């Protein structure tokens, strides 16, 4: 049986720990100190590091972790799994879409999806975790009620990546890497003020954040109902984008780009 737990880092990052009560794999350790504190508190041994993309707040802690944990529990070099298309420090396993990675400690299998847009070589990891269920670790591609900025990719690339994630089973838990939900919901409400599911979700988000609780994971099914970036083809969303932009976008990618641009400037 596996558990997935958030390790808060920086101002609003989540490093995800997947563990079996003995060994843990950590996803996107931007800094090492919070991971070390979590491992010590829970009595866990580090078994693997998993990276979704090259930004420093997702891999900045790798060197520090390797300095303390150079080997896995079986004595082999600690595996550092990361996208083949990006520069990942100390990476030992380069992955791309179609690959399946078998992690030994803890025992889990990760299927890789290419999800470019936020960065050029961003990947996501899909798993069916005993005890935790279907899960996707999506870094900064898909957020609760939002998506990442387009730093290196095009609107068409990000739309395709989000379509890929949206096609996962509805029960799939979405483990994203930032606590951006409250601001994302504010924007989503501006886009779809009459979305009843979104209104209910906003109340839930406010209640969770009032007590300092994470708003993630959500699920793919919920994101389909409340996330404007998974709903950019929905007529109400297209109409809102057209009204904001002062004209109707010519195709799906252009409409998505206009929506993402709206969010970039939203205050």
C-alpha atoms as a PDB file:
ATOM      1  CA  UNK A   1       0.000   0.000   0.000  1.00  0.00           C
ATOM      2  CA  UNK A   2       1.296   3.450  -0.918  1.00  0.00           C
ATOM      3  CA  UNK A   3       0.567   6.911   0.415  1.00  0.00           C
ATOM      4  CA  UNK A   4       1.114  10.226  -1.335  1.00  0.00           C
ATOM      5  CA  UNK A   5       1.863  13.180   0.927  1.00  0.00           C
ATOM      6  CA  UNK A   6       2.702  16.818   0.200  1.00  0.00           C
ATOM      7  CA  UNK A   7       5.928  18.354   1.457  1.00  0.00           C
ATOM      8  CA  UNK A   8       5.513  22.163   1.402  1.00  0.00           C
ATOM      9  CA  UNK A   9       8.508  24.049   0.002  1.00  0.00           C
ATOM     10  CA  UNK A  10       9.362  27.666  -0.772  1.00  0.00           C
ATOM     11  CA  UNK A  11       6.279  29.912  -0.676  1.00  0.00           C
ATOM     12  CA  UNK A  12       3.756  27.723  -2.488  1.00  0.00           C
ATOM     13  CA  UNK A  13       5.465  24.608  -3.907  1.00  0.00           C
ATOM     14  CA  UNK A  14       4.524  21.026  -3.159  1.00  0.00           C
ATOM     15  CA  UNK A  15       7.107  18.261  -3.324  1.00  0.00           C
ATOM     16  CA  UNK A  16       5.207  14.969  -3.447  1.00  0.00           C
ATOM     17  CA  UNK A  17       6.393  11.981  -1.428  1.00  0.00           C
ATOM     18  CA  UNK A  18       5.159   8.547  -2.545  1.00  0.00           C
ATOM     19  CA  UNK A  19       5.948   6.050   0.186  1.00  0.00           C
ATOM     20  CA  UNK A  20       5.156   2.625   1.607  1.00  0.00           C
ATOM     21  CA  UNK A  21       5.994   3.425   5.222  1.00  0.00           C
ATOM     22  CA  UNK A  22       9.627   2.444   4.680  1.00  0.00           C
ATOM     23  CA  UNK A  23      10.928   4.014   1.457  1.00  0.00           C
ATOM     24  CA  UNK A  24       9.913   7.165  -0.405  1.00  0.00           C
ATOM     25  CA  UNK A  25      10.193   8.506  -3.929  1.00  0.00           C
ATOM     26  CA  UNK A  26      10.011  12.299  -4.080  1.00  0.00           C
ATOM     27  CA  UNK A  27       8.647  14.238  -7.028  1.00  0.00           C
ATOM     28  CA  UNK A  28      10.116  17.657  -7.926  1.00  0.00           C
ATOM     29  CA  UNK A  29      12.317  18.387  -4.891  1.00  0.00           C
ATOM     30  CA  UNK A  30      13.095  22.048  -5.439  1.00  0.00           C
ATOM     31  CA  UNK A  31      14.925  22.155  -2.129  1.00  0.00           C
ATOM     32  CA  UNK A  32      16.358  19.413   0.024  1.00  0.00           C
ATOM     33  CA  UNK A  33      15.771  20.594   3.614  1.00  0.00           C
ATOM     34  CA  UNK A  34      11.977  20.028   3.684  1.00  0.00           C
ATOM     35  CA  UNK A  35      12.496  16.557   2.215  1.00  0.00           C
ATOM     36  CA  UNK A  36      15.118  15.684   4.822  1.00  0.00           C
ATOM     37  CA  UNK A  37      12.815  16.881   7.598  1.00  0.00           C
ATOM     38  CA  UNK A  38       9.922  14.809   6.221  1.00  0.00           C
ATOM     39  CA  UNK A  39      12.026  11.664   5.861  1.00  0.00           C
ATOM     40  CA  UNK A  40      13.356  12.019   9.397  1.00  0.00           C
ATOM     41  CA  UNK A  41       9.927  12.708  10.882  1.00  0.00           C
ATOM     42  CA  UNK A  42       8.310   9.750   9.122  1.00  0.00           C
ATOM     43  CA  UNK A  43      11.235   7.365   9.501  1.00  0.00           C
ATOM     44  CA  UNK A  44      11.604   6.880   5.737  1.00  0.00           C
ATOM     45  CA  UNK A  45      14.556   6.076   3.487  1.00  0.00           C
ATOM     46  CA  UNK A  46      14.894   7.921   0.173  1.00  0.00           C
ATOM     47  CA  UNK A  47      14.562   5.486  -2.717  1.00  0.00           C
ATOM     48  CA  UNK A  48      14.193   7.649  -5.852  1.00  0.00           C
ATOM     49  CA  UNK A  49      13.915  11.199  -7.171  1.00  0.00           C
ATOM     50  CA  UNK A  50      11.439  12.013  -9.962  1.00  0.00           C
ATOM     51  CA  UNK A  51      11.558  15.286 -11.938  1.00  0.00           C
ATOM     52  CA  UNK A  52       8.925  16.721 -14.294  1.00  0.00           C
ATOM     53  CA  UNK A  53      10.886  19.657 -15.777  1.00  0.00           C
ATOM     54  CA  UNK A  54      14.063  21.672 -15.468  1.00  0.00           C
ATOM     55  CA  UNK A  55      13.009  24.740 -13.456  1.00  0.00           C
ATOM     56  CA  UNK A  56      15.047  25.259 -10.316  1.00  0.00           C
ATOM     57  CA  UNK A  57      12.105  25.085  -7.939  1.00  0.00           C
ATOM     58  CA  UNK A  58      11.560  21.517  -9.181  1.00  0.00           C
ATOM     59  CA  UNK A  59      15.104  20.148  -9.216  1.00  0.00           C
ATOM     60  CA  UNK A  60      17.161  22.527  -7.062  1.00  0.00           C
ATOM     61  CA  UNK A  61      17.293  20.100  -4.144  1.00  0.00           C
ATOM     62  CA  UNK A  62      18.626  17.118  -6.089  1.00  0.00           C
ATOM     63  CA  UNK A  63      22.320  17.744  -5.377  1.00  0.00           C
ATOM     64  CA  UNK A  64      21.673  18.212  -1.661  1.00  0.00           C
ATOM     65  CA  UNK A  65      19.642  15.027  -1.462  1.00  0.00           C
ATOM     66  CA  UNK A  66      22.272  13.007  -3.323  1.00  0.00           C
ATOM     67  CA  UNK A  67      24.970  14.292  -0.988  1.00  0.00           C
ATOM     68  CA  UNK A  68      23.125  12.648   1.913  1.00  0.00           C
ATOM     69  CA  UNK A  69      21.511   9.745   0.024  1.00  0.00           C
ATOM     70  CA  UNK A  70      23.917   8.668  -2.746  1.00  0.00           C
ATOM     71  CA  UNK A  71      22.509   5.152  -2.894  1.00  0.00           C
ATOM     72  CA  UNK A  72      19.121   3.458  -2.856  1.00  0.00           C
ATOM     73  CA  UNK A  73      18.274   0.901  -0.142  1.00  0.00           C
ATOM     74  CA  UNK A  74      19.663  -1.898  -2.354  1.00  0.00           C
ATOM     75  CA  UNK A  75      23.052  -0.190  -2.616  1.00  0.00           C
ATOM     76  CA  UNK A  76      22.650   0.934  -6.245  1.00  0.00           C
ATOM     77  CA  UNK A  77      23.083   4.606  -7.100  1.00  0.00           C
ATOM     78  CA  UNK A  78      19.966   6.538  -6.165  1.00  0.00           C
ATOM     79  CA  UNK A  79      17.846   6.825  -9.333  1.00  0.00           C
ATOM     80  CA  UNK A  80      17.105  10.350 -10.579  1.00  0.00           C
ATOM     81  CA  UNK A  81      14.373  10.130 -13.207  1.00  0.00           C
ATOM     82  CA  UNK A  82      13.721  13.091 -15.494  1.00  0.00           C
ATOM     83  CA  UNK A  83      12.671  14.196 -18.974  1.00  0.00           C
ATOM     84  CA  UNK A  84      15.023  13.287 -21.799  1.00  0.00           C
ATOM     85  CA  UNK A  85      14.407  16.602 -23.532  1.00  0.00           C
ATOM     86  CA  UNK A  86      15.604  18.833 -20.684  1.00  0.00           C
ATOM     87  CA  UNK A  87      18.800  19.378 -18.726  1.00  0.00           C
ATOM     88  CA  UNK A  88      18.297  17.681 -15.367  1.00  0.00           C
ATOM     89  CA  UNK A  89      21.241  17.642 -12.965  1.00  0.00           C
ATOM     90  CA  UNK A  90      22.456  14.164 -11.932  1.00  0.00           C
ATOM     91  CA  UNK A  91      19.727  12.461 -13.982  1.00  0.00           C
ATOM     92  CA  UNK A  92      20.312   8.714 -14.236  1.00  0.00           C
ATOM     93  CA  UNK A  93      17.131   7.734 -16.131  1.00  0.00           C
ATOM     94  CA  UNK A  94      16.023   9.849 -19.108  1.00  0.00           C
ATOM     95  CA  UNK A  95      12.362   9.391 -20.013  1.00  0.00           C
ATOM     96  CA  UNK A  96       9.929  10.386 -22.737  1.00  0.00           C
ATOM     97  CA  UNK A  97       6.358   9.547 -23.714  1.00  0.00           C
ATOM     98  CA  UNK A  98       5.736   5.827 -24.023  1.00  0.00           C
ATOM     99  CA  UNK A  99       8.329   4.894 -21.412  1.00  0.00           C
ATOM    100  CA  UNK A 100       7.395   2.968 -18.295  1.00  0.00           C
ATOM    101  CA  UNK A 101       9.685   3.350 -15.288  1.00  0.00           C
ATOM    102  CA  UNK A 102       9.807   0.698 -12.593  1.00  0.00           C
ATOM    103  CA  UNK A 103      10.904   2.134  -9.250  1.00  0.00           C
ATOM    104  CA  UNK A 104      12.148  -0.440  -6.768  1.00  0.00           C
ATOM    105  CA  UNK A 105      12.002   1.528  -3.491  1.00  0.00           C
ATOM    106  CA  UNK A 106       9.090   1.935  -3.009  1.00  0.00           C
ATOM    107  CA  UNK A 107       7.715  -0.475  -5.588  1.00  0.00           C
ATOM    108  CA  UNK A 108       5.782   1.507  -8.186  1.00  0.00           C
ATOM    109  CA  UNK A 109       5.416   1.860 -11.917  1.00  0.00           C
ATOM    110  CA  UNK A 110       5.307   5.234 -13.649  1.00  0.00           C
ATOM    111  CA  UNK A 111       4.071   5.736 -17.206  1.00  0.00           C
ATOM    112  CA  UNK A 112       5.430   8.825 -18.945  1.00  0.00           C
ATOM    113  CA  UNK A 113       3.526  11.417 -20.967  1.00  0.00           C
ATOM    114  CA  UNK A 114       5.118  14.291 -22.878  1.00  0.00           C
ATOM    115  CA  UNK A 115       3.279  17.473 -21.868  1.00  0.00           C
ATOM    116  CA  UNK A 116       5.201  20.422 -23.367  1.00  0.00           C
ATOM    117  CA  UNK A 117       4.009  23.999 -23.085  1.00  0.00           C
ATOM    118  CA  UNK A 118       5.242  25.327 -19.761  1.00  0.00           C
ATOM    119  CA  UNK A 119       8.694  24.087 -20.788  1.00  0.00           C
ATOM    120  CA  UNK A 120       9.733  22.409 -24.009  1.00  0.00           C
ATOM    121  CA  UNK A 121      10.416  18.965 -22.563  1.00  0.00           C
ATOM    122  CA  UNK A 122       8.009  18.791 -19.605  1.00  0.00           C
ATOM    123  CA  UNK A 123       6.731  15.308 -18.744  1.00  0.00           C
ATOM    124  CA  UNK A 124       4.023  13.924 -16.469  1.00  0.00           C
ATOM    125  CA  UNK A 125       3.968  10.590 -14.683  1.00  0.00           C
ATOM    126  CA  UNK A 126       0.836   8.447 -14.522  1.00  0.00           C
ATOM    127  CA  UNK A 127       0.511   5.651 -11.990  1.00  0.00           C
ATOM    128  CA  UNK A 128      -2.074   3.351 -10.446  1.00  0.00           C
ATOM    129  CA  UNK A 129      -0.869   3.341  -6.850  1.00  0.00           C
ATOM    130  CA  UNK A 130      -2.041   0.578  -4.505  1.00  0.00           C
ATOM    131  CA  UNK A 131      -3.950   2.313  -1.737  1.00  0.00           C
ATOM    132  CA  UNK A 132      -3.799   5.721  -3.416  1.00  0.00           C
ATOM    133  CA  UNK A 133      -5.478   4.909  -6.731  1.00  0.00           C
ATOM    134  CA  UNK A 134      -4.957   6.360 -10.220  1.00  0.00           C
ATOM    135  CA  UNK A 135      -2.677   9.370 -10.049  1.00  0.00           C
ATOM    136  CA  UNK A 136      -0.863  11.848 -12.259  1.00  0.00           C
ATOM    137  CA  UNK A 137       2.135  13.921 -11.199  1.00  0.00           C
ATOM    138  CA  UNK A 138       1.948  16.811 -13.635  1.00  0.00           C
ATOM    139  CA  UNK A 139       4.391  19.421 -12.342  1.00  0.00           C
ATOM    140  CA  UNK A 140       3.458  22.838 -13.719  1.00  0.00           C
ATOM    141  CA  UNK A 141       1.412  21.747 -16.743  1.00  0.00           C
ATOM    142  CA  UNK A 142      -1.976  21.301 -15.076  1.00  0.00           C
ATOM    143  CA  UNK A 143      -2.906  23.031 -11.818  1.00  0.00           C
ATOM    144  CA  UNK A 144      -6.071  22.844  -9.766  1.00  0.00           C
ATOM    145  CA  UNK A 145      -8.374  25.124 -11.787  1.00  0.00           C
ATOM    146  CA  UNK A 146      -5.486  26.382 -13.900  1.00  0.00           C
ATOM    147  CA  UNK A 147      -2.419  25.616 -16.022  1.00  0.00           C
ATOM    148  CA  UNK A 148       1.173  26.743 -16.245  1.00  0.00           C
ATOM    149  CA  UNK A 149       2.462  29.783 -18.067  1.00  0.00           C
ATOM    150  CA  UNK A 150       3.792  29.252 -21.573  1.00  0.00           C
ATOM    151  CA  UNK A 151       7.477  29.951 -20.975  1.00  0.00           C
ATOM    152  CA  UNK A 152       8.870  27.754 -23.760  1.00  0.00           C
ATOM    153  CA  UNK A 153       5.942  26.248 -25.644  1.00  0.00           C
ATOM    154  CA  UNK A 154       3.090  27.392 -27.857  1.00  0.00           C
ATOM    155  CA  UNK A 155      -0.632  27.569 -27.112  1.00  0.00           C
ATOM    156  CA  UNK A 156      -1.151  24.639 -29.483  1.00  0.00           C
ATOM    157  CA  UNK A 157       1.384  22.549 -27.568  1.00  0.00           C
ATOM    158  CA  UNK A 158      -0.145  23.339 -24.178  1.00  0.00           C
ATOM    159  CA  UNK A 159      -3.671  22.693 -25.435  1.00  0.00           C
ATOM    160  CA  UNK A 160      -2.552  19.315 -26.765  1.00  0.00           C
ATOM    161  CA  UNK A 161      -0.841  18.512 -23.454  1.00  0.00           C
ATOM    162  CA  UNK A 162      -3.934  19.423 -21.452  1.00  0.00           C
ATOM    163  CA  UNK A 163      -6.128  17.391 -23.805  1.00  0.00           C
ATOM    164  CA  UNK A 164      -3.865  14.421 -23.076  1.00  0.00           C
ATOM    165  CA  UNK A 165      -4.262  14.879 -19.325  1.00  0.00           C
ATOM    166  CA  UNK A 166      -8.010  15.524 -19.602  1.00  0.00           C
ATOM    167  CA  UNK A 167      -8.378  12.168 -21.369  1.00  0.00           C
ATOM    168  CA  UNK A 168      -7.179  10.291 -18.273  1.00  0.00           C
ATOM    169  CA  UNK A 169      -9.883   8.538 -16.219  1.00  0.00           C
ATOM    170  CA  UNK A 170     -11.991  10.972 -14.216  1.00  0.00           C
ATOM    171  CA  UNK A 171     -10.977   9.446 -10.878  1.00  0.00           C
ATOM    172  CA  UNK A 172      -7.286  10.167 -11.530  1.00  0.00           C
ATOM    173  CA  UNK A 173      -5.881  12.294  -8.722  1.00  0.00           C
ATOM    174  CA  UNK A 174      -4.059  15.409  -9.918  1.00  0.00           C
ATOM    175  CA  UNK A 175      -0.844  16.015  -7.980  1.00  0.00           C
ATOM    176  CA  UNK A 176       0.355  19.388  -9.229  1.00  0.00           C
ATOM    177  CA  UNK A 177       3.331  21.286  -7.837  1.00  0.00           C
ATOM    178  CA  UNK A 178       1.919  24.596  -6.561  1.00  0.00           C
ATOM    179  CA  UNK A 179      -0.776  25.918  -4.257  1.00  0.00           C
ATOM    180  CA  UNK A 180      -2.206  28.350  -6.800  1.00  0.00           C
ATOM    181  CA  UNK A 181      -5.820  27.269  -6.480  1.00  0.00           C
ATOM    182  CA  UNK A 182      -7.368  30.336  -4.863  1.00  0.00           C
ATOM    183  CA  UNK A 183      -6.039  32.723  -7.523  1.00  0.00           C
ATOM    184  CA  UNK A 184      -6.864  30.231 -10.272  1.00  0.00           C
ATOM    185  CA  UNK A 185     -10.462  29.985  -9.046  1.00  0.00           C
ATOM    186  CA  UNK A 186     -10.789  33.783  -9.019  1.00  0.00           C
ATOM    187  CA  UNK A 187      -9.849  33.805 -12.688  1.00  0.00           C
ATOM    188  CA  UNK A 188     -12.070  30.833 -13.519  1.00  0.00           C
ATOM    189  CA  UNK A 189     -15.030  32.645 -11.931  1.00  0.00           C
ATOM    190  CA  UNK A 190     -14.332  35.673 -14.117  1.00  0.00           C
ATOM    191  CA  UNK A 191     -14.470  33.403 -17.157  1.00  0.00           C
ATOM    192  CA  UNK A 192     -17.493  31.337 -16.080  1.00  0.00           C
ATOM    193  CA  UNK A 193     -19.442  33.274 -13.421  1.00  0.00           C
ATOM    194  CA  UNK A 194     -22.498  31.025 -13.809  1.00  0.00           C
ATOM    195  CA  UNK A 195     -20.687  27.681 -13.402  1.00  0.00           C
ATOM    196  CA  UNK A 196     -22.377  26.138 -10.325  1.00  0.00           C
ATOM    197  CA  UNK A 197     -19.691  23.468  -9.874  1.00  0.00           C
ATOM    198  CA  UNK A 198     -17.076  26.199  -9.833  1.00  0.00           C
ATOM    199  CA  UNK A 199     -18.996  28.255  -7.263  1.00  0.00           C
ATOM    200  CA  UNK A 200     -19.179  25.241  -4.960  1.00  0.00           C
ATOM    201  CA  UNK A 201     -15.484  24.558  -5.482  1.00  0.00           C
ATOM    202  CA  UNK A 202     -14.622  28.159  -4.609  1.00  0.00           C
ATOM    203  CA  UNK A 203     -16.380  27.769  -1.252  1.00  0.00           C
ATOM    204  CA  UNK A 204     -14.477  24.546  -0.614  1.00  0.00           C
ATOM    205  CA  UNK A 205     -11.147  26.162  -1.517  1.00  0.00           C
ATOM    206  CA  UNK A 206     -11.798  29.068   0.839  1.00  0.00           C
ATOM    207  CA  UNK A 207     -12.630  26.653   3.666  1.00  0.00           C
ATOM    208  CA  UNK A 208      -9.491  24.580   3.074  1.00  0.00           C
ATOM    209  CA  UNK A 209      -7.173  27.563   2.882  1.00  0.00           C
ATOM    210  CA  UNK A 210      -8.738  29.146   5.971  1.00  0.00           C
ATOM    211  CA  UNK A 211      -7.285  26.274   8.010  1.00  0.00           C
ATOM    212  CA  UNK A 212      -4.045  26.036   6.019  1.00  0.00           C
ATOM    213  CA  UNK A 213      -4.991  22.772   4.291  1.00  0.00           C
ATOM    214  CA  UNK A 214      -3.869  21.931   0.739  1.00  0.00           C
ATOM    215  CA  UNK A 215      -6.442  22.182  -2.039  1.00  0.00           C
ATOM    216  CA  UNK A 216      -4.736  19.379  -3.966  1.00  0.00           C
ATOM    217  CA  UNK A 217      -4.975  16.714  -5.128  1.00  0.00           C
ATOM    218  CA  UNK A 218      -8.086  17.326  -7.144  1.00  0.00           C
ATOM    219  CA  UNK A 219      -9.240  14.876  -9.824  1.00  0.00           C
ATOM    220  CA  UNK A 220      -9.309  14.928 -13.600  1.00  0.00           C
ATOM    221  CA  UNK A 221     -13.099  14.655 -13.427  1.00  0.00           C
ATOM    222  CA  UNK A 222     -13.362  17.768 -11.288  1.00  0.00           C
ATOM    223  CA  UNK A 223     -10.920  19.677 -13.475  1.00  0.00           C
ATOM    224  CA  UNK A 224     -13.087  18.957 -16.510  1.00  0.00           C
ATOM    225  CA  UNK A 225     -15.955  20.727 -14.716  1.00  0.00           C
ATOM    226  CA  UNK A 226     -14.183  23.767 -13.243  1.00  0.00           C
ATOM    227  CA  UNK A 227     -10.876  24.401 -15.016  1.00  0.00           C
ATOM    228  CA  UNK A 228     -11.244  26.951 -17.839  1.00  0.00           C
ATOM    229  CA  UNK A 229      -8.113  25.649 -19.539  1.00  0.00           C
ATOM    230  CA  UNK A 230      -9.687  22.210 -19.921  1.00  0.00           C
ATOM    231  CA  UNK A 231     -12.900  23.926 -21.013  1.00  0.00           C
ATOM    232  CA  UNK A 232     -11.542  26.300 -23.664  1.00  0.00           C
ATOM    233  CA  UNK A 233     -13.825  24.756 -26.309  1.00  0.00           C
ATOM    234  CA  UNK A 234     -16.972  25.100 -24.154  1.00  0.00           C
ATOM    235  CA  UNK A 235     -19.252  27.751 -25.711  1.00  0.00           C
ATOM    236  CA  UNK A 236     -19.529  29.823 -22.512  1.00  0.00           C
ATOM    237  CA  UNK A 237     -15.743  29.959 -22.214  1.00  0.00           C
ATOM    238  CA  UNK A 238     -15.268  30.812 -25.885  1.00  0.00           C
ATOM    239  CA  UNK A 239     -17.841  33.591 -25.581  1.00  0.00           C
ATOM    240  CA  UNK A 240     -16.069  35.021 -22.524  1.00  0.00           C
ATOM    241  CA  UNK A 241     -12.707  34.934 -24.286  1.00  0.00           C
ATOM    242  CA  UNK A 242     -14.195  36.641 -27.348  1.00  0.00           C
ATOM    243  CA  UNK A 243     -15.773  39.340 -25.188  1.00  0.00           C
ATOM    244  CA  UNK A 244     -12.502  39.938 -23.343  1.00  0.00           C
ATOM    245  CA  UNK A 245     -10.378  39.947 -26.503  1.00  0.00           C
ATOM    246  CA  UNK A 246     -12.827  41.979 -28.547  1.00  0.00           C
ATOM    247  CA  UNK A 247     -13.194  39.349 -31.216  1.00  0.00           C
ATOM    248  CA  UNK A 248     -13.639  35.651 -31.888  1.00  0.00           C
ATOM    249  CA  UNK A 249     -10.448  33.568 -32.110  1.00  0.00           C
ATOM    250  CA  UNK A 250     -10.018  31.688 -35.365  1.00  0.00           C
ATOM    251  CA  UNK A 251      -9.267  28.217 -34.029  1.00  0.00           C
ATOM    252  CA  UNK A 252      -8.945  26.227 -30.813  1.00  0.00           C
ATOM    253  CA  UNK A 253      -5.268  27.019 -30.284  1.00  0.00           C
ATOM    254  CA  UNK A 254      -5.822  30.741 -30.818  1.00  0.00           C
ATOM    255  CA  UNK A 255      -8.733  30.737 -28.373  1.00  0.00           C
ATOM    256  CA  UNK A 256      -6.643  28.873 -25.829  1.00  0.00           C
ATOM    257  CA  UNK A 257      -3.792  31.342 -26.312  1.00  0.00           C
ATOM    258  CA  UNK A 258      -6.163  34.263 -25.762  1.00  0.00           C
ATOM    259  CA  UNK A 259      -7.453  32.596 -22.585  1.00  0.00           C
ATOM    260  CA  UNK A 260      -3.927  32.029 -21.268  1.00  0.00           C
ATOM    261  CA  UNK A 261      -3.025  35.622 -22.143  1.00  0.00           C
ATOM    262  CA  UNK A 262      -6.065  36.847 -20.212  1.00  0.00           C
ATOM    263  CA  UNK A 263      -4.895  34.878 -17.169  1.00  0.00           C
ATOM    264  CA  UNK A 264      -1.342  36.256 -17.496  1.00  0.00           C
ATOM    265  CA  UNK A 265      -2.678  39.799 -17.056  1.00  0.00           C
ATOM    266  CA  UNK A 266      -5.447  38.987 -14.578  1.00  0.00           C
ATOM    267  CA  UNK A 267      -5.311  40.725 -11.207  1.00  0.00           C
END
